[in-house]
Amino acid sequence: MNLSTDLGTALWYSGRADAALAQDARSLAVDPTHAQTLFNIGMVKRDGKQDLKGAIESWEKLLQTNPDYPDRTKVEQMLAQARQALGQPSPVTPMR
């Protein structure tokens, strides 16, 4: 799984956003909750496709399916920024 996700990352860094997303989709077909893949999809959608709604969707799924994600705070901050850019309110997250 990690190798497949790493290939998606390599494609992204080579300037091939669509190919990266296609590779990440293949990774999610094997494991739909793979945290790093969901994180990467959000990054490519935000930065490579200017698709904030798609980035939000990916990052929300990441946090829902991986509640103990080590960089949870970072993802929550990115979600808040994306929502703000779209004029959406940020939901209140329960204390953990």
PDB file of N, CA and C in Angstrom:
ATOM      1  N   MET A   1       0.824  -1.189   0.000  1.00  0.00           N
ATOM      2  CA  MET A   1       0.000   0.000   0.000  1.00  0.00           C
ATOM      3  C   MET A   1       0.872   1.258   0.000  1.00  0.00           C
ATOM      4  N   ASN A   2       1.866   1.293   0.869  1.00  0.00           N
ATOM      5  CA  ASN A   2       2.696   2.491   0.945  1.00  0.00           C
ATOM      6  C   ASN A   2       3.438   2.756  -0.358  1.00  0.00           C
ATOM      7  N   LEU A   3       3.855   1.701  -1.035  1.00  0.00           N
ATOM      8  CA  LEU A   3       4.549   1.868  -2.308  1.00  0.00           C
ATOM      9  C   LEU A   3       3.626   2.513  -3.343  1.00  0.00           C
ATOM     10  N   SER A   4       2.388   2.082  -3.381  1.00  0.00           N
ATOM     11  CA  SER A   4       1.421   2.648  -4.306  1.00  0.00           C
ATOM     12  C   SER A   4       1.195   4.130  -4.003  1.00  0.00           C
ATOM     13  N   THR A   5       1.071   4.462  -2.733  1.00  0.00           N
ATOM     14  CA  THR A   5       0.902   5.853  -2.326  1.00  0.00           C
ATOM     15  C   THR A   5       2.145   6.663  -2.660  1.00  0.00           C
ATOM     16  N   ASP A   6       3.312   6.068  -2.448  1.00  0.00           N
ATOM     17  CA  ASP A   6       4.560   6.768  -2.788  1.00  0.00           C
ATOM     18  C   ASP A   6       4.651   7.049  -4.283  1.00  0.00           C
ATOM     19  N   LEU A   7       4.150   6.139  -5.106  1.00  0.00           N
ATOM     20  CA  LEU A   7       4.130   6.384  -6.545  1.00  0.00           C
ATOM     21  C   LEU A   7       3.246   7.588  -6.861  1.00  0.00           C
ATOM     22  N   GLY A   8       2.103   7.676  -6.207  1.00  0.00           N
ATOM     23  CA  GLY A   8       1.235   8.841  -6.382  1.00  0.00           C
ATOM     24  C   GLY A   8       1.944  10.128  -5.988  1.00  0.00           C
ATOM     25  N   THR A   9       2.698  10.075  -4.902  1.00  0.00           N
ATOM     26  CA  THR A   9       3.458  11.242  -4.461  1.00  0.00           C
ATOM     27  C   THR A   9       4.517  11.624  -5.492  1.00  0.00           C
ATOM     28  N   ALA A  10       5.214  10.633  -6.036  1.00  0.00           N
ATOM     29  CA  ALA A  10       6.234  10.901  -7.053  1.00  0.00           C
ATOM     30  C   ALA A  10       5.603  11.539  -8.288  1.00  0.00           C
ATOM     31  N   LEU A  11       4.444  11.055  -8.678  1.00  0.00           N
ATOM     32  CA  LEU A  11       3.752  11.639  -9.820  1.00  0.00           C
ATOM     33  C   LEU A  11       3.374  13.092  -9.540  1.00  0.00           C
ATOM     34  N   TRP A  12       2.930  13.356  -8.330  1.00  0.00           N
ATOM     35  CA  TRP A  12       2.576  14.727  -7.932  1.00  0.00           C
ATOM     36  C   TRP A  12       3.799  15.637  -8.013  1.00  0.00           C
ATOM     37  N   TYR A  13       4.899  15.186  -7.454  1.00  0.00           N
ATOM     38  CA  TYR A  13       6.115  16.009  -7.459  1.00  0.00           C
ATOM     39  C   TYR A  13       6.706  16.171  -8.863  1.00  0.00           C
ATOM     40  N   SER A  14       6.317  15.301  -9.788  1.00  0.00           N
ATOM     41  CA  SER A  14       6.785  15.464 -11.162  1.00  0.00           C
ATOM     42  C   SER A  14       5.828  16.329 -11.977  1.00  0.00           C
ATOM     43  N   GLY A  15       4.839  16.925 -11.299  1.00  0.00           N
ATOM     44  CA  GLY A  15       3.933  17.851 -11.960  1.00  0.00           C
ATOM     45  C   GLY A  15       2.746  17.194 -12.641  1.00  0.00           C
ATOM     46  N   ARG A  16       2.440  15.970 -12.265  1.00  0.00           N
ATOM     47  CA  ARG A  16       1.363  15.216 -12.910  1.00  0.00           C
ATOM     48  C   ARG A  16       0.215  14.970 -11.931  1.00  0.00           C
ATOM     49  N   ALA A  17      -0.533  16.033 -11.649  1.00  0.00           N
ATOM     50  CA  ALA A  17      -1.603  15.965 -10.655  1.00  0.00           C
ATOM     51  C   ALA A  17      -2.657  14.918 -11.008  1.00  0.00           C
ATOM     52  N   ASP A  18      -3.093  14.879 -12.262  1.00  0.00           N
ATOM     53  CA  ASP A  18      -4.127  13.912 -12.643  1.00  0.00           C
ATOM     54  C   ASP A  18      -3.631  12.476 -12.496  1.00  0.00           C
ATOM     55  N   ALA A  19      -2.391  12.230 -12.886  1.00  0.00           N
ATOM     56  CA  ALA A  19      -1.825  10.886 -12.735  1.00  0.00           C
ATOM     57  C   ALA A  19      -1.682  10.524 -11.256  1.00  0.00           C
ATOM     58  N   ALA A  20      -1.316  11.501 -10.431  1.00  0.00           N
ATOM     59  CA  ALA A  20      -1.199  11.254  -8.991  1.00  0.00           C
ATOM     60  C   ALA A  20      -2.551  10.871  -8.408  1.00  0.00           C
ATOM     61  N   LEU A  21      -3.594  11.606  -8.792  1.00  0.00           N
ATOM     62  CA  LEU A  21      -4.929  11.286  -8.289  1.00  0.00           C
ATOM     63  C   LEU A  21      -5.398   9.918  -8.772  1.00  0.00           C
ATOM     64  N   ALA A  22      -5.061   9.568 -10.001  1.00  0.00           N
ATOM     65  CA  ALA A  22      -5.434   8.246 -10.513  1.00  0.00           C
ATOM     66  C   ALA A  22      -4.729   7.143  -9.727  1.00  0.00           C
ATOM     67  N   GLN A  23      -3.464   7.338  -9.433  1.00  0.00           N
ATOM     68  CA  GLN A  23      -2.714   6.354  -8.641  1.00  0.00           C
ATOM     69  C   GLN A  23      -3.271   6.268  -7.226  1.00  0.00           C
ATOM     70  N   ASP A  24      -3.592   7.407  -6.646  1.00  0.00           N
ATOM     71  CA  ASP A  24      -4.161   7.402  -5.298  1.00  0.00           C
ATOM     72  C   ASP A  24      -5.514   6.700  -5.277  1.00  0.00           C
ATOM     73  N   ALA A  25      -6.293   6.848  -6.338  1.00  0.00           N
ATOM     74  CA  ALA A  25      -7.577   6.137  -6.418  1.00  0.00           C
ATOM     75  C   ALA A  25      -7.346   4.630  -6.416  1.00  0.00           C
ATOM     76  N   ARG A  26      -6.294   4.186  -7.084  1.00  0.00           N
ATOM     77  CA  ARG A  26      -5.961   2.752  -7.068  1.00  0.00           C
ATOM     78  C   ARG A  26      -5.585   2.313  -5.642  1.00  0.00           C
ATOM     79  N   SER A  27      -4.869   3.153  -4.941  1.00  0.00           N
ATOM     80  CA  SER A  27      -4.498   2.830  -3.557  1.00  0.00           C
ATOM     81  C   SER A  27      -5.737   2.720  -2.679  1.00  0.00           C
ATOM     82  N   LEU A  28      -6.664   3.657  -2.846  1.00  0.00           N
ATOM     83  CA  LEU A  28      -7.886   3.621  -2.033  1.00  0.00           C
ATOM     84  C   LEU A  28      -8.772   2.437  -2.387  1.00  0.00           C
ATOM     85  N   ALA A  29      -8.659   1.919  -3.602  1.00  0.00           N
ATOM     86  CA  ALA A  29      -9.436   0.730  -3.968  1.00  0.00           C
ATOM     87  C   ALA A  29      -9.010  -0.463  -3.128  1.00  0.00           C
ATOM     88  N   VAL A  30      -7.750  -0.482  -2.720  1.00  0.00           N
ATOM     89  CA  VAL A  30      -7.229  -1.556  -1.872  1.00  0.00           C
ATOM     90  C   VAL A  30      -7.549  -1.283  -0.404  1.00  0.00           C
ATOM     91  N   ASP A  31      -7.363  -0.041   0.031  1.00  0.00           N
ATOM     92  CA  ASP A  31      -7.624   0.343   1.417  1.00  0.00           C
ATOM     93  C   ASP A  31      -8.251   1.734   1.433  1.00  0.00           C
ATOM     94  N   PRO A  32      -9.585   1.821   1.491  1.00  0.00           N
ATOM     95  CA  PRO A  32     -10.268   3.110   1.407  1.00  0.00           C
ATOM     96  C   PRO A  32     -10.037   4.041   2.598  1.00  0.00           C
ATOM     97  N   THR A  33      -9.363   3.551   3.629  1.00  0.00           N
ATOM     98  CA  THR A  33      -9.105   4.394   4.798  1.00  0.00           C
ATOM     99  C   THR A  33      -7.615   4.695   4.985  1.00  0.00           C
ATOM    100  N   HIS A  34      -6.796   4.404   3.981  1.00  0.00           N
ATOM    101  CA  HIS A  34      -5.351   4.609   4.112  1.00  0.00           C
ATOM    102  C   HIS A  34      -5.065   6.089   4.346  1.00  0.00           C
ATOM    103  N   ALA A  35      -4.543   6.381   5.519  1.00  0.00           N
ATOM    104  CA  ALA A  35      -4.394   7.769   5.973  1.00  0.00           C
ATOM    105  C   ALA A  35      -3.516   8.611   5.059  1.00  0.00           C
ATOM    106  N   GLN A  36      -2.344   8.120   4.702  1.00  0.00           N
ATOM    107  CA  GLN A  36      -1.435   8.939   3.900  1.00  0.00           C
ATOM    108  C   GLN A  36      -1.998   9.201   2.510  1.00  0.00           C
ATOM    109  N   THR A  37      -2.704   8.221   1.963  1.00  0.00           N
ATOM    110  CA  THR A  37      -3.320   8.416   0.653  1.00  0.00           C
ATOM    111  C   THR A  37      -4.398   9.496   0.729  1.00  0.00           C
ATOM    112  N   LEU A  38      -5.240   9.441   1.749  1.00  0.00           N
ATOM    113  CA  LEU A  38      -6.279  10.458   1.907  1.00  0.00           C
ATOM    114  C   LEU A  38      -5.677  11.844   2.117  1.00  0.00           C
ATOM    115  N   PHE A  39      -4.604  11.910   2.887  1.00  0.00           N
ATOM    116  CA  PHE A  39      -3.917  13.188   3.089  1.00  0.00           C
ATOM    117  C   PHE A  39      -3.404  13.718   1.747  1.00  0.00           C
ATOM    118  N   ASN A  40      -2.736  12.842   1.001  1.00  0.00           N
ATOM    119  CA  ASN A  40      -2.148  13.248  -0.279  1.00  0.00           C
ATOM    120  C   ASN A  40      -3.206  13.699  -1.278  1.00  0.00           C
ATOM    121  N   ILE A  41      -4.327  13.005  -1.333  1.00  0.00           N
ATOM    122  CA  ILE A  41      -5.395  13.404  -2.244  1.00  0.00           C
ATOM    123  C   ILE A  41      -5.853  14.824  -1.917  1.00  0.00           C
ATOM    124  N   GLY A  42      -6.003  15.107  -0.642  1.00  0.00           N
ATOM    125  CA  GLY A  42      -6.385  16.465  -0.249  1.00  0.00           C
ATOM    126  C   GLY A  42      -5.379  17.506  -0.713  1.00  0.00           C
ATOM    127  N   MET A  43      -4.107  17.184  -0.580  1.00  0.00           N
ATOM    128  CA  MET A  43      -3.064  18.127  -1.000  1.00  0.00           C
ATOM    129  C   MET A  43      -3.096  18.346  -2.512  1.00  0.00           C
ATOM    130  N   VAL A  44      -3.207  17.267  -3.274  1.00  0.00           N
ATOM    131  CA  VAL A  44      -3.217  17.390  -4.742  1.00  0.00           C
ATOM    132  C   VAL A  44      -4.468  18.138  -5.199  1.00  0.00           C
ATOM    133  N   LYS A  45      -5.600  17.823  -4.587  1.00  0.00           N
ATOM    134  CA  LYS A  45      -6.828  18.522  -4.982  1.00  0.00           C
ATOM    135  C   LYS A  45      -6.738  20.004  -4.635  1.00  0.00           C
ATOM    136  N   ARG A  46      -6.198  20.324  -3.464  1.00  0.00           N
ATOM    137  CA  ARG A  46      -6.079  21.730  -3.071  1.00  0.00           C
ATOM    138  C   ARG A  46      -5.055  22.464  -3.937  1.00  0.00           C
ATOM    139  N   ASP A  47      -3.851  21.919  -4.022  1.00  0.00           N
ATOM    140  CA  ASP A  47      -2.743  22.648  -4.642  1.00  0.00           C
ATOM    141  C   ASP A  47      -2.618  22.420  -6.146  1.00  0.00           C
ATOM    142  N   GLY A  48      -2.985  21.247  -6.606  1.00  0.00           N
ATOM    143  CA  GLY A  48      -2.798  20.934  -8.012  1.00  0.00           C
ATOM    144  C   GLY A  48      -4.033  21.156  -8.864  1.00  0.00           C
ATOM    145  N   LYS A  49      -5.196  21.017  -8.239  1.00  0.00           N
ATOM    146  CA  LYS A  49      -6.444  21.130  -8.993  1.00  0.00           C
ATOM    147  C   LYS A  49      -7.294  22.324  -8.546  1.00  0.00           C
ATOM    148  N   GLN A  50      -6.876  23.026  -7.504  1.00  0.00           N
ATOM    149  CA  GLN A  50      -7.642  24.137  -6.929  1.00  0.00           C
ATOM    150  C   GLN A  50      -9.080  23.697  -6.625  1.00  0.00           C
ATOM    151  N   ASP A  51      -9.205  22.486  -6.128  1.00  0.00           N
ATOM    152  CA  ASP A  51     -10.490  21.875  -5.793  1.00  0.00           C
ATOM    153  C   ASP A  51     -10.593  21.802  -4.271  1.00  0.00           C
ATOM    154  N   LEU A  52     -10.990  22.926  -3.660  1.00  0.00           N
ATOM    155  CA  LEU A  52     -11.063  22.962  -2.198  1.00  0.00           C
ATOM    156  C   LEU A  52     -12.134  22.027  -1.659  1.00  0.00           C
ATOM    157  N   LYS A  53     -13.251  21.922  -2.344  1.00  0.00           N
ATOM    158  CA  LYS A  53     -14.305  21.012  -1.879  1.00  0.00           C
ATOM    159  C   LYS A  53     -13.803  19.569  -1.869  1.00  0.00           C
ATOM    160  N   GLY A  54     -13.077  19.186  -2.899  1.00  0.00           N
ATOM    161  CA  GLY A  54     -12.519  17.839  -2.957  1.00  0.00           C
ATOM    162  C   GLY A  54     -11.480  17.606  -1.874  1.00  0.00           C
ATOM    163  N   ALA A  55     -10.668  18.620  -1.601  1.00  0.00           N
ATOM    164  CA  ALA A  55      -9.667  18.511  -0.537  1.00  0.00           C
ATOM    165  C   ALA A  55     -10.349  18.341   0.811  1.00  0.00           C
ATOM    166  N   ILE A  56     -11.371  19.145   1.053  1.00  0.00           N
ATOM    167  CA  ILE A  56     -12.117  19.053   2.315  1.00  0.00           C
ATOM    168  C   ILE A  56     -12.708  17.656   2.472  1.00  0.00           C
ATOM    169  N   GLU A  57     -13.306  17.153   1.418  1.00  0.00           N
ATOM    170  CA  GLU A  57     -13.912  15.816   1.466  1.00  0.00           C
ATOM    171  C   GLU A  57     -12.875  14.746   1.834  1.00  0.00           C
ATOM    172  N   SER A  58     -11.707  14.820   1.220  1.00  0.00           N
ATOM    173  CA  SER A  58     -10.664  13.834   1.485  1.00  0.00           C
ATOM    174  C   SER A  58     -10.152  13.937   2.922  1.00  0.00           C
ATOM    175  N   TRP A  59      -9.895  15.152   3.366  1.00  0.00           N
ATOM    176  CA  TRP A  59      -9.375  15.333   4.723  1.00  0.00           C
ATOM    177  C   TRP A  59     -10.409  14.988   5.789  1.00  0.00           C
ATOM    178  N   GLU A  60     -11.683  15.269   5.522  1.00  0.00           N
ATOM    179  CA  GLU A  60     -12.721  14.877   6.474  1.00  0.00           C
ATOM    180  C   GLU A  60     -12.773  13.354   6.597  1.00  0.00           C
ATOM    181  N   LYS A  61     -12.692  12.666   5.461  1.00  0.00           N
ATOM    182  CA  LYS A  61     -12.690  11.192   5.501  1.00  0.00           C
ATOM    183  C   LYS A  61     -11.460  10.692   6.251  1.00  0.00           C
ATOM    184  N   LEU A  62     -10.319  11.330   6.029  1.00  0.00           N
ATOM    185  CA  LEU A  62      -9.095  10.962   6.744  1.00  0.00           C
ATOM    186  C   LEU A  62      -9.323  11.008   8.250  1.00  0.00           C
ATOM    187  N   LEU A  63      -9.864  12.116   8.741  1.00  0.00           N
ATOM    188  CA  LEU A  63     -10.041  12.262  10.186  1.00  0.00           C
ATOM    189  C   LEU A  63     -11.142  11.365  10.732  1.00  0.00           C
ATOM    190  N   GLN A  64     -12.175  11.116   9.935  1.00  0.00           N
ATOM    191  CA  GLN A  64     -13.250  10.237  10.385  1.00  0.00           C
ATOM    192  C   GLN A  64     -12.779   8.792  10.498  1.00  0.00           C
ATOM    193  N   THR A  65     -11.957   8.354   9.549  1.00  0.00           N
ATOM    194  CA  THR A  65     -11.551   6.953   9.521  1.00  0.00           C
ATOM    195  C   THR A  65     -10.251   6.694  10.274  1.00  0.00           C
ATOM    196  N   ASN A  66      -9.539   7.743  10.611  1.00  0.00           N
ATOM    197  CA  ASN A  66      -8.267   7.620  11.339  1.00  0.00           C
ATOM    198  C   ASN A  66      -8.243   8.646  12.473  1.00  0.00           C
ATOM    199  N   PRO A  67      -9.087   8.468  13.487  1.00  0.00           N
ATOM    200  CA  PRO A  67      -9.222   9.493  14.535  1.00  0.00           C
ATOM    201  C   PRO A  67      -7.930   9.777  15.309  1.00  0.00           C
ATOM    202  N   ASP A  68      -6.985   8.864  15.301  1.00  0.00           N
ATOM    203  CA  ASP A  68      -5.726   9.075  16.008  1.00  0.00           C
ATOM    204  C   ASP A  68      -4.591   9.462  15.063  1.00  0.00           C
ATOM    205  N   TYR A  69      -4.923  10.009  13.902  1.00  0.00           N
ATOM    206  CA  TYR A  69      -3.916  10.413  12.925  1.00  0.00           C
ATOM    207  C   TYR A  69      -2.904  11.334  13.588  1.00  0.00           C
ATOM    208  N   PRO A  70      -1.613  11.047  13.479  1.00  0.00           N
ATOM    209  CA  PRO A  70      -0.592  11.803  14.198  1.00  0.00           C
ATOM    210  C   PRO A  70      -0.567  13.309  13.887  1.00  0.00           C
ATOM    211  N   ASP A  71      -0.888  13.683  12.655  1.00  0.00           N
ATOM    212  CA  ASP A  71      -0.891  15.099  12.277  1.00  0.00           C
ATOM    213  C   ASP A  71      -2.308  15.662  12.228  1.00  0.00           C
ATOM    214  N   ARG A  72      -3.157  15.163  13.110  1.00  0.00           N
ATOM    215  CA  ARG A  72      -4.565  15.593  13.138  1.00  0.00           C
ATOM    216  C   ARG A  72      -4.699  17.111  13.232  1.00  0.00           C
ATOM    217  N   THR A  73      -3.929  17.737  14.092  1.00  0.00           N
ATOM    218  CA  THR A  73      -4.022  19.189  14.269  1.00  0.00           C
ATOM    219  C   THR A  73      -3.705  19.913  12.966  1.00  0.00           C
ATOM    220  N   LYS A  74      -2.689  19.465  12.263  1.00  0.00           N
ATOM    221  CA  LYS A  74      -2.324  20.066  10.980  1.00  0.00           C
ATOM    222  C   LYS A  74      -3.474  19.936   9.986  1.00  0.00           C
ATOM    223  N   VAL A  75      -4.086  18.758   9.909  1.00  0.00           N
ATOM    224  CA  VAL A  75      -5.188  18.530   8.986  1.00  0.00           C
ATOM    225  C   VAL A  75      -6.383  19.400   9.376  1.00  0.00           C
ATOM    226  N   GLU A  76      -6.658  19.503  10.651  1.00  0.00           N
ATOM    227  CA  GLU A  76      -7.759  20.358  11.103  1.00  0.00           C
ATOM    228  C   GLU A  76      -7.514  21.814  10.713  1.00  0.00           C
ATOM    229  N   GLN A  77      -6.278  22.270  10.801  1.00  0.00           N
ATOM    230  CA  GLN A  77      -5.947  23.637  10.389  1.00  0.00           C
ATOM    231  C   GLN A  77      -6.138  23.818   8.883  1.00  0.00           C
ATOM    232  N   MET A  78      -5.713  22.841   8.106  1.00  0.00           N
ATOM    233  CA  MET A  78      -5.887  22.923   6.650  1.00  0.00           C
ATOM    234  C   MET A  78      -7.370  22.904   6.285  1.00  0.00           C
ATOM    235  N   LEU A  79      -8.149  22.107   6.994  1.00  0.00           N
ATOM    236  CA  LEU A  79      -9.591  22.079   6.772  1.00  0.00           C
ATOM    237  C   LEU A  79     -10.202  23.444   7.060  1.00  0.00           C
ATOM    238  N   ALA A  80      -9.811  24.040   8.167  1.00  0.00           N
ATOM    239  CA  ALA A  80     -10.348  25.352   8.539  1.00  0.00           C
ATOM    240  C   ALA A  80      -9.992  26.398   7.480  1.00  0.00           C
ATOM    241  N   GLN A  81      -8.764  26.368   6.981  1.00  0.00           N
ATOM    242  CA  GLN A  81      -8.345  27.326   5.949  1.00  0.00           C
ATOM    243  C   GLN A  81      -9.130  27.120   4.659  1.00  0.00           C
ATOM    244  N   ALA A  82      -9.323  25.876   4.267  1.00  0.00           N
ATOM    245  CA  ALA A  82     -10.066  25.589   3.038  1.00  0.00           C
ATOM    246  C   ALA A  82     -11.517  26.021   3.179  1.00  0.00           C
ATOM    247  N   ARG A  83     -12.114  25.726   4.321  1.00  0.00           N
ATOM    248  CA  ARG A  83     -13.504  26.129   4.549  1.00  0.00           C
ATOM    249  C   ARG A  83     -13.632  27.651   4.530  1.00  0.00           C
ATOM    250  N   GLN A  84     -12.681  28.315   5.168  1.00  0.00           N
ATOM    251  CA  GLN A  84     -12.700  29.779   5.191  1.00  0.00           C
ATOM    252  C   GLN A  84     -12.597  30.337   3.770  1.00  0.00           C
ATOM    253  N   ALA A  85     -11.735  29.763   2.957  1.00  0.00           N
ATOM    254  CA  ALA A  85     -11.573  30.215   1.577  1.00  0.00           C
ATOM    255  C   ALA A  85     -12.866  30.039   0.779  1.00  0.00           C
ATOM    256  N   LEU A  86     -13.656  29.035   1.132  1.00  0.00           N
ATOM    257  CA  LEU A  86     -14.936  28.798   0.462  1.00  0.00           C
ATOM    258  C   LEU A  86     -16.091  29.531   1.135  1.00  0.00           C
ATOM    259  N   GLY A  87     -15.804  30.215   2.240  1.00  0.00           N
ATOM    260  CA  GLY A  87     -16.852  30.912   2.963  1.00  0.00           C
ATOM    261  C   GLY A  87     -17.741  30.008   3.781  1.00  0.00           C
ATOM    262  N   GLN A  88     -17.210  28.839   4.144  1.00  0.00           N
ATOM    263  CA  GLN A  88     -17.967  27.877   4.940  1.00  0.00           C
ATOM    264  C   GLN A  88     -17.550  27.999   6.398  1.00  0.00           C
ATOM    265  N   PRO A  89     -18.504  27.867   7.296  1.00  0.00           N
ATOM    266  CA  PRO A  89     -18.114  27.858   8.713  1.00  0.00           C
ATOM    267  C   PRO A  89     -17.406  26.560   9.077  1.00  0.00           C
ATOM    268  N   SER A  90     -16.503  26.643   9.997  1.00  0.00           N
ATOM    269  CA  SER A  90     -15.829  25.432  10.496  1.00  0.00           C
ATOM    270  C   SER A  90     -16.682  24.828  11.589  1.00  0.00           C
ATOM    271  N   PRO A  91     -16.952  23.529  11.504  1.00  0.00           N
ATOM    272  CA  PRO A  91     -17.745  22.899  12.565  1.00  0.00           C
ATOM    273  C   PRO A  91     -16.950  22.852  13.857  1.00  0.00           C
ATOM    274  N   VAL A  92     -17.668  22.833  14.931  1.00  0.00           N
ATOM    275  CA  VAL A  92     -17.035  22.712  16.237  1.00  0.00           C
ATOM    276  C   VAL A  92     -16.628  21.254  16.399  1.00  0.00           C
ATOM    277  N   THR A  93     -15.367  21.037  16.714  1.00  0.00           N
ATOM    278  CA  THR A  93     -14.906  19.663  16.919  1.00  0.00           C
ATOM    279  C   THR A  93     -14.918  19.370  18.410  1.00  0.00           C
ATOM    280  N   PRO A  94     -15.404  18.188  18.762  1.00  0.00           N
ATOM    281  CA  PRO A  94     -15.466  17.841  20.190  1.00  0.00           C
ATOM    282  C   PRO A  94     -14.064  17.703  20.777  1.00  0.00           C
ATOM    283  N   MET A  95     -13.967  17.986  22.046  1.00  0.00           N
ATOM    284  CA  MET A  95     -12.695  17.817  22.755  1.00  0.00           C
ATOM    285  C   MET A  95     -12.383  16.341  22.822  1.00  0.00           C
ATOM    286  N   ARG A  96     -11.112  16.010  22.653  1.00  0.00           N
ATOM    287  CA  ARG A  96     -10.697  14.615  22.712  1.00  0.00           C
ATOM    288  C   ARG A  96      -9.967  14.360  23.989  1.00  0.00           C
TER     289      ARG A  96
END
